[in-house]
């Protein structure tokens, strides 16, 4: 979970952990790629606006890396279908979630759907 907003991360991770997900947090974009390489997650929830390195650059680096390119990625944004969301989808993001519109109780099911888990 690459997210610099600690309160938002806390809310989402609490819900995910309650549903049995293992959640690893990175708050600084510049640390994300190394953490992803070490953890090899099934899914990366990736904020677009981050300190250090933005989420679009992280996504591009992931998709250019043979070991990371098949990891599912869901972008997090506070903005609608703006150019960042369009670019993220063009770069290979699997989904995007509007932060202000996330229903926490539905987040685990949305992630399971992304992962192909019923």
C-alpha atoms as a PDB file:
ATOM      1  CA  UNK A   1       0.000   0.000   0.000  1.00  0.00           C
ATOM      2  CA  UNK A   2       1.868   3.055  -1.270  1.00  0.00           C
ATOM      3  CA  UNK A   3       0.139   6.012   0.366  1.00  0.00           C
ATOM      4  CA  UNK A   4       1.416   9.143   2.104  1.00  0.00           C
ATOM      5  CA  UNK A   5      -1.870  10.065   3.822  1.00  0.00           C
ATOM      6  CA  UNK A   6      -1.502   8.215   7.123  1.00  0.00           C
ATOM      7  CA  UNK A   7      -5.159   8.618   8.155  1.00  0.00           C
ATOM      8  CA  UNK A   8      -6.429   7.250   4.827  1.00  0.00           C
ATOM      9  CA  UNK A   9      -3.959   4.372   5.001  1.00  0.00           C
ATOM     10  CA  UNK A  10      -4.996   3.560   8.584  1.00  0.00           C
ATOM     11  CA  UNK A  11      -8.691   3.388   7.666  1.00  0.00           C
ATOM     12  CA  UNK A  12      -8.152   1.211   4.598  1.00  0.00           C
ATOM     13  CA  UNK A  13      -5.564  -1.081   6.146  1.00  0.00           C
ATOM     14  CA  UNK A  14      -7.723  -1.708   9.208  1.00  0.00           C
ATOM     15  CA  UNK A  15     -10.575  -2.891   6.990  1.00  0.00           C
ATOM     16  CA  UNK A  16      -8.259  -5.023   4.860  1.00  0.00           C
ATOM     17  CA  UNK A  17      -6.558  -6.616   7.871  1.00  0.00           C
ATOM     18  CA  UNK A  18      -9.954  -7.439   9.393  1.00  0.00           C
ATOM     19  CA  UNK A  19     -10.740  -9.364   6.188  1.00  0.00           C
ATOM     20  CA  UNK A  20      -7.482 -11.325   6.355  1.00  0.00           C
ATOM     21  CA  UNK A  21      -5.254  -9.336   4.018  1.00  0.00           C
ATOM     22  CA  UNK A  22      -1.578  -8.837   4.799  1.00  0.00           C
ATOM     23  CA  UNK A  23      -0.847  -5.148   4.323  1.00  0.00           C
ATOM     24  CA  UNK A  24       2.599  -3.584   3.934  1.00  0.00           C
ATOM     25  CA  UNK A  25       2.864   0.205   3.907  1.00  0.00           C
ATOM     26  CA  UNK A  26       5.244   2.579   2.145  1.00  0.00           C
ATOM     27  CA  UNK A  27       4.641   6.319   2.539  1.00  0.00           C
ATOM     28  CA  UNK A  28       7.423   7.620   0.286  1.00  0.00           C
ATOM     29  CA  UNK A  29       7.323   6.925  -3.432  1.00  0.00           C
ATOM     30  CA  UNK A  30      11.108   6.745  -3.690  1.00  0.00           C
ATOM     31  CA  UNK A  31      11.085   3.653  -1.431  1.00  0.00           C
ATOM     32  CA  UNK A  32       8.222   1.873  -3.181  1.00  0.00           C
ATOM     33  CA  UNK A  33      10.012  -0.060  -5.938  1.00  0.00           C
ATOM     34  CA  UNK A  34      12.550  -1.641  -3.581  1.00  0.00           C
ATOM     35  CA  UNK A  35       9.787  -2.584  -1.123  1.00  0.00           C
ATOM     36  CA  UNK A  36       7.718  -4.103  -3.935  1.00  0.00           C
ATOM     37  CA  UNK A  37      10.749  -6.099  -5.128  1.00  0.00           C
ATOM     38  CA  UNK A  38      11.290  -7.476  -1.617  1.00  0.00           C
ATOM     39  CA  UNK A  39       7.637  -8.156  -0.739  1.00  0.00           C
ATOM     40  CA  UNK A  40       6.439  -9.417  -4.166  1.00  0.00           C
ATOM     41  CA  UNK A  41       2.796  -8.542  -3.380  1.00  0.00           C
ATOM     42  CA  UNK A  42      -0.244  -9.839  -5.236  1.00  0.00           C
ATOM     43  CA  UNK A  43      -1.517  -6.266  -5.562  1.00  0.00           C
ATOM     44  CA  UNK A  44      -0.151  -2.754  -5.142  1.00  0.00           C
ATOM     45  CA  UNK A  45      -2.542  -0.003  -4.090  1.00  0.00           C
ATOM     46  CA  UNK A  46      -0.715   3.026  -5.428  1.00  0.00           C
ATOM     47  CA  UNK A  47      -1.426   6.678  -4.735  1.00  0.00           C
ATOM     48  CA  UNK A  48      -0.669   8.964  -7.664  1.00  0.00           C
ATOM     49  CA  UNK A  49       0.542  12.001  -5.696  1.00  0.00           C
ATOM     50  CA  UNK A  50       3.427  10.958  -3.435  1.00  0.00           C
ATOM     51  CA  UNK A  51       6.601  12.461  -2.025  1.00  0.00           C
ATOM     52  CA  UNK A  52       9.867  11.282  -3.555  1.00  0.00           C
ATOM     53  CA  UNK A  53       8.460   9.650  -6.696  1.00  0.00           C
ATOM     54  CA  UNK A  54       4.924   9.891  -8.019  1.00  0.00           C
ATOM     55  CA  UNK A  55       2.704   6.865  -8.530  1.00  0.00           C
ATOM     56  CA  UNK A  56       2.765   7.131 -12.321  1.00  0.00           C
ATOM     57  CA  UNK A  57       6.552   6.849 -12.365  1.00  0.00           C
ATOM     58  CA  UNK A  58       6.380   3.906  -9.953  1.00  0.00           C
ATOM     59  CA  UNK A  59       3.794   2.212 -12.173  1.00  0.00           C
ATOM     60  CA  UNK A  60       5.922   2.753 -15.284  1.00  0.00           C
ATOM     61  CA  UNK A  61       8.976   1.329 -13.532  1.00  0.00           C
ATOM     62  CA  UNK A  62       6.958  -1.685 -12.383  1.00  0.00           C
ATOM     63  CA  UNK A  63       5.630  -2.383 -15.874  1.00  0.00           C
ATOM     64  CA  UNK A  64       9.146  -2.062 -17.350  1.00  0.00           C
ATOM     65  CA  UNK A  65      10.546  -4.612 -14.863  1.00  0.00           C
ATOM     66  CA  UNK A  66      10.180  -8.295 -15.844  1.00  0.00           C
ATOM     67  CA  UNK A  67       9.819  -9.354 -12.187  1.00  0.00           C
ATOM     68  CA  UNK A  68       7.162  -6.752 -11.353  1.00  0.00           C
ATOM     69  CA  UNK A  69       5.175  -6.199 -14.531  1.00  0.00           C
ATOM     70  CA  UNK A  70       2.493  -8.806 -13.759  1.00  0.00           C
ATOM     71  CA  UNK A  71       1.686  -7.524 -10.273  1.00  0.00           C
ATOM     72  CA  UNK A  72      -1.868  -6.170 -10.205  1.00  0.00           C
ATOM     73  CA  UNK A  73      -1.996  -2.429  -9.593  1.00  0.00           C
ATOM     74  CA  UNK A  74      -4.870  -0.241  -8.439  1.00  0.00           C
ATOM     75  CA  UNK A  75      -4.286   3.499  -8.524  1.00  0.00           C
ATOM     76  CA  UNK A  76      -5.664   5.769  -5.806  1.00  0.00           C
ATOM     77  CA  UNK A  77      -6.634   9.325  -6.640  1.00  0.00           C
ATOM     78  CA  UNK A  78      -8.648  12.252  -5.375  1.00  0.00           C
ATOM     79  CA  UNK A  79      -9.418  13.320  -8.916  1.00  0.00           C
ATOM     80  CA  UNK A  80     -11.856  12.029 -11.518  1.00  0.00           C
ATOM     81  CA  UNK A  81     -11.028  10.827 -14.998  1.00  0.00           C
ATOM     82  CA  UNK A  82      -8.211  13.310 -15.357  1.00  0.00           C
ATOM     83  CA  UNK A  83      -5.063  12.952 -17.430  1.00  0.00           C
ATOM     84  CA  UNK A  84      -3.268  11.147 -14.560  1.00  0.00           C
ATOM     85  CA  UNK A  85      -5.909   8.423 -14.402  1.00  0.00           C
ATOM     86  CA  UNK A  86      -5.883   8.091 -18.193  1.00  0.00           C
ATOM     87  CA  UNK A  87      -2.094   7.859 -18.192  1.00  0.00           C
ATOM     88  CA  UNK A  88      -2.157   5.259 -15.392  1.00  0.00           C
ATOM     89  CA  UNK A  89      -4.556   3.084 -17.359  1.00  0.00           C
ATOM     90  CA  UNK A  90      -2.421   3.517 -20.498  1.00  0.00           C
ATOM     91  CA  UNK A  91       0.648   2.448 -18.509  1.00  0.00           C
ATOM     92  CA  UNK A  92      -1.100  -0.764 -17.465  1.00  0.00           C
ATOM     93  CA  UNK A  93      -2.887  -0.087 -14.188  1.00  0.00           C
ATOM     94  CA  UNK A  94      -5.604  -2.662 -13.596  1.00  0.00           C
ATOM     95  CA  UNK A  95      -8.018  -0.364 -11.774  1.00  0.00           C
ATOM     96  CA  UNK A  96      -8.314   2.992 -10.107  1.00  0.00           C
ATOM     97  CA  UNK A  97     -10.205   3.996  -6.989  1.00  0.00           C
ATOM     98  CA  UNK A  98     -11.435   7.444  -6.105  1.00  0.00           C
ATOM     99  CA  UNK A  99     -10.276   8.045  -2.528  1.00  0.00           C
ATOM    100  CA  UNK A 100     -13.234  10.215  -1.620  1.00  0.00           C
ATOM    101  CA  UNK A 101     -15.614   7.611  -2.994  1.00  0.00           C
ATOM    102  CA  UNK A 102     -14.218   4.424  -1.440  1.00  0.00           C
ATOM    103  CA  UNK A 103     -16.682   2.504   0.691  1.00  0.00           C
ATOM    104  CA  UNK A 104     -14.321   0.838   3.135  1.00  0.00           C
ATOM    105  CA  UNK A 105     -16.527  -2.199   3.650  1.00  0.00           C
ATOM    106  CA  UNK A 106     -16.475  -2.831  -0.125  1.00  0.00           C
ATOM    107  CA  UNK A 107     -12.712  -2.430  -0.582  1.00  0.00           C
ATOM    108  CA  UNK A 108     -11.789  -6.058   0.283  1.00  0.00           C
ATOM    109  CA  UNK A 109     -14.283  -7.426  -2.257  1.00  0.00           C
ATOM    110  CA  UNK A 110     -13.056  -5.021  -4.944  1.00  0.00           C
ATOM    111  CA  UNK A 111      -9.514  -6.229  -4.318  1.00  0.00           C
ATOM    112  CA  UNK A 112     -10.581  -9.878  -4.370  1.00  0.00           C
ATOM    113  CA  UNK A 113     -12.314  -9.251  -7.701  1.00  0.00           C
ATOM    114  CA  UNK A 114      -9.121  -7.680  -9.069  1.00  0.00           C
ATOM    115  CA  UNK A 115      -7.153 -10.699  -7.883  1.00  0.00           C
ATOM    116  CA  UNK A 116      -9.681 -13.141  -9.327  1.00  0.00           C
ATOM    117  CA  UNK A 117     -10.673 -14.446  -5.882  1.00  0.00           C
ATOM    118  CA  UNK A 118     -14.333 -15.256  -5.263  1.00  0.00           C
END
